[in-house]
Amino acid sequence: MIMTKIVYAPFPYLDEQNSRNRPLLVLAENQDEYETVIVAYITSKMGKKLLESDFVLSSDDEFFEKTGLNKDSLIRLHKLGCIQKSTIKYEIGNLSKKASLEIRNKLKNLLNLN
């Protein structure tokens, strides 16, 4: 599966009982009776140190316009969540297949699936 869809939906935070709407990368759409979606957190706060599991979305990238994001962002692959498909507000945009393959490789390394 190639992960390309970026959506706007509530992300569940570990340290809070609430969630907040934000951009998320859809990693997997489960076809079970619960209709859940596994997502990765996207932030525009770049931070001082990038982690090996971070994927940078730069406004200089040729595909950036198609992401639907309005500024440089990070996909934080170590921040994953499971949400109900029905909570997705709307689709923002898409990643290129090349970016999706790079993200897949980062996930494999992060989860020790190599």
Protein backbone atom coordinates (compact mmCIF):
# COMPACT_ATOMS: atom_id res chain seq x y z
CA MET A 1 0.00 0.00 0.00
CA ILE A 2 1.25 3.48 -0.85
CA MET A 3 0.41 6.06 1.82
CA THR A 4 -0.43 9.33 0.16
CA LYS A 5 -3.59 10.80 1.71
CA ILE A 6 -3.34 13.78 4.08
CA VAL A 7 -6.49 14.50 6.07
CA TYR A 8 -7.70 16.97 8.69
CA ALA A 9 -9.02 15.20 11.79
CA PRO A 10 -8.74 15.08 15.59
CA PHE A 11 -5.52 13.49 16.86
CA PRO A 12 -5.60 11.81 20.29
CA TYR A 13 -2.88 13.12 22.62
CA LEU A 14 -1.27 10.84 25.19
CA ASP A 15 -0.95 13.45 27.91
CA GLU A 16 -4.44 14.93 27.55
CA GLN A 17 -7.94 13.54 27.58
CA ASN A 18 -8.85 15.65 24.57
CA SER A 19 -7.83 15.62 20.95
CA ARG A 20 -7.14 18.47 18.55
CA ASN A 21 -7.91 18.82 14.85
CA ARG A 22 -4.79 18.82 12.74
CA PRO A 23 -3.27 17.48 9.52
CA LEU A 24 -2.56 13.73 9.60
CA LEU A 25 -1.06 11.25 7.16
CA VAL A 26 -3.23 8.16 6.66
CA LEU A 27 -1.01 5.10 7.02
CA ALA A 28 -3.70 2.40 6.90
CA GLU A 29 -7.46 2.28 6.50
CA ASN A 30 -8.81 -0.81 8.23
CA GLN A 31 -11.70 -2.48 6.50
CA ASP A 32 -13.14 -3.93 9.69
CA GLU A 33 -16.50 -3.25 11.27
CA TYR A 34 -15.01 -0.40 13.33
CA GLU A 35 -13.72 1.52 10.29
CA THR A 36 -10.58 2.77 12.00
CA VAL A 37 -7.68 4.61 10.41
CA ILE A 38 -4.04 4.56 11.53
CA VAL A 39 -2.50 8.01 11.16
CA ALA A 40 0.79 9.85 11.68
CA TYR A 41 1.02 13.29 13.24
CA ILE A 42 1.97 16.28 11.06
CA THR A 43 3.29 19.51 12.57
CA SER A 44 4.69 22.80 11.29
CA LYS A 45 6.90 23.12 14.40
CA MET A 46 10.22 22.03 12.99
CA GLY A 47 12.15 21.83 16.27
CA LYS A 48 15.89 22.00 16.68
CA LYS A 49 16.70 18.33 16.20
CA LEU A 50 15.15 16.03 13.65
CA LEU A 51 14.63 12.40 14.57
CA GLU A 52 15.45 9.56 12.22
CA SER A 53 11.72 8.84 12.04
CA ASP A 54 10.80 12.40 10.99
CA PHE A 55 9.97 13.13 7.37
CA VAL A 56 10.34 16.75 6.22
CA LEU A 57 7.77 18.25 3.87
CA SER A 58 9.48 21.32 2.45
CA SER A 59 7.68 24.01 0.49
CA ASP A 60 10.65 23.72 -1.93
CA ASP A 61 9.62 20.15 -2.85
CA GLU A 62 8.09 19.88 -6.32
CA PHE A 63 5.07 17.99 -4.94
CA PHE A 64 4.49 20.27 -1.92
CA GLU A 65 1.53 22.15 -3.43
CA LYS A 66 -0.38 18.87 -3.74
CA THR A 67 -0.05 18.21 0.02
CA GLY A 68 -2.54 20.98 0.80
CA LEU A 69 -0.29 22.21 3.61
CA ASN A 70 0.56 25.91 3.74
CA LYS A 71 4.06 25.78 5.27
CA ASP A 72 7.03 23.51 5.84
CA SER A 73 5.99 20.59 8.01
CA LEU A 74 7.20 17.38 9.63
CA ILE A 75 5.53 14.01 9.53
CA ARG A 76 6.38 12.55 12.94
CA LEU A 77 6.28 8.82 12.36
CA HIS A 78 6.93 8.06 16.04
CA LYS A 79 3.61 9.78 16.86
CA LEU A 80 0.95 7.42 15.58
CA GLY A 81 -2.73 7.20 16.42
CA CYS A 82 -5.82 5.23 15.61
CA ILE A 83 -8.97 7.23 14.86
CA GLN A 84 -12.48 6.51 13.65
CA LYS A 85 -12.82 7.09 9.92
CA SER A 86 -16.00 9.07 10.64
CA THR A 87 -13.99 11.71 12.56
CA ILE A 88 -12.07 12.80 9.45
CA LYS A 89 -13.25 16.31 8.63
CA TYR A 90 -11.90 16.41 5.07
CA GLU A 91 -9.00 15.42 2.83
CA ILE A 92 -6.33 18.12 2.55
CA GLY A 93 -4.09 16.70 -0.15
CA ASN A 94 -1.67 13.97 -1.16
CA LEU A 95 2.00 13.03 -1.09
CA SER A 96 3.99 11.92 -4.08
CA LYS A 97 4.63 8.19 -4.50
CA LYS A 98 8.35 8.86 -3.99
CA ALA A 99 7.69 10.53 -0.62
CA SER A 100 5.36 7.68 0.34
CA LEU A 101 8.06 5.10 -0.39
CA GLU A 102 10.57 7.05 1.71
CA ILE A 103 8.05 7.16 4.56
CA ARG A 104 7.46 3.41 4.23
CA ASN A 105 11.22 2.82 4.61
CA LYS A 106 11.37 5.07 7.67
CA LEU A 107 8.45 3.16 9.22
CA LYS A 108 10.18 -0.16 8.54
CA ASN A 109 13.30 1.11 10.34
CA LEU A 110 11.29 2.58 13.20
CA LEU A 111 9.34 -0.65 13.75
CA ASN A 112 12.34 -2.93 13.12
CA LEU A 113 10.68 -4.61 10.14
CA ASN A 114 13.82 -4.86 7.99
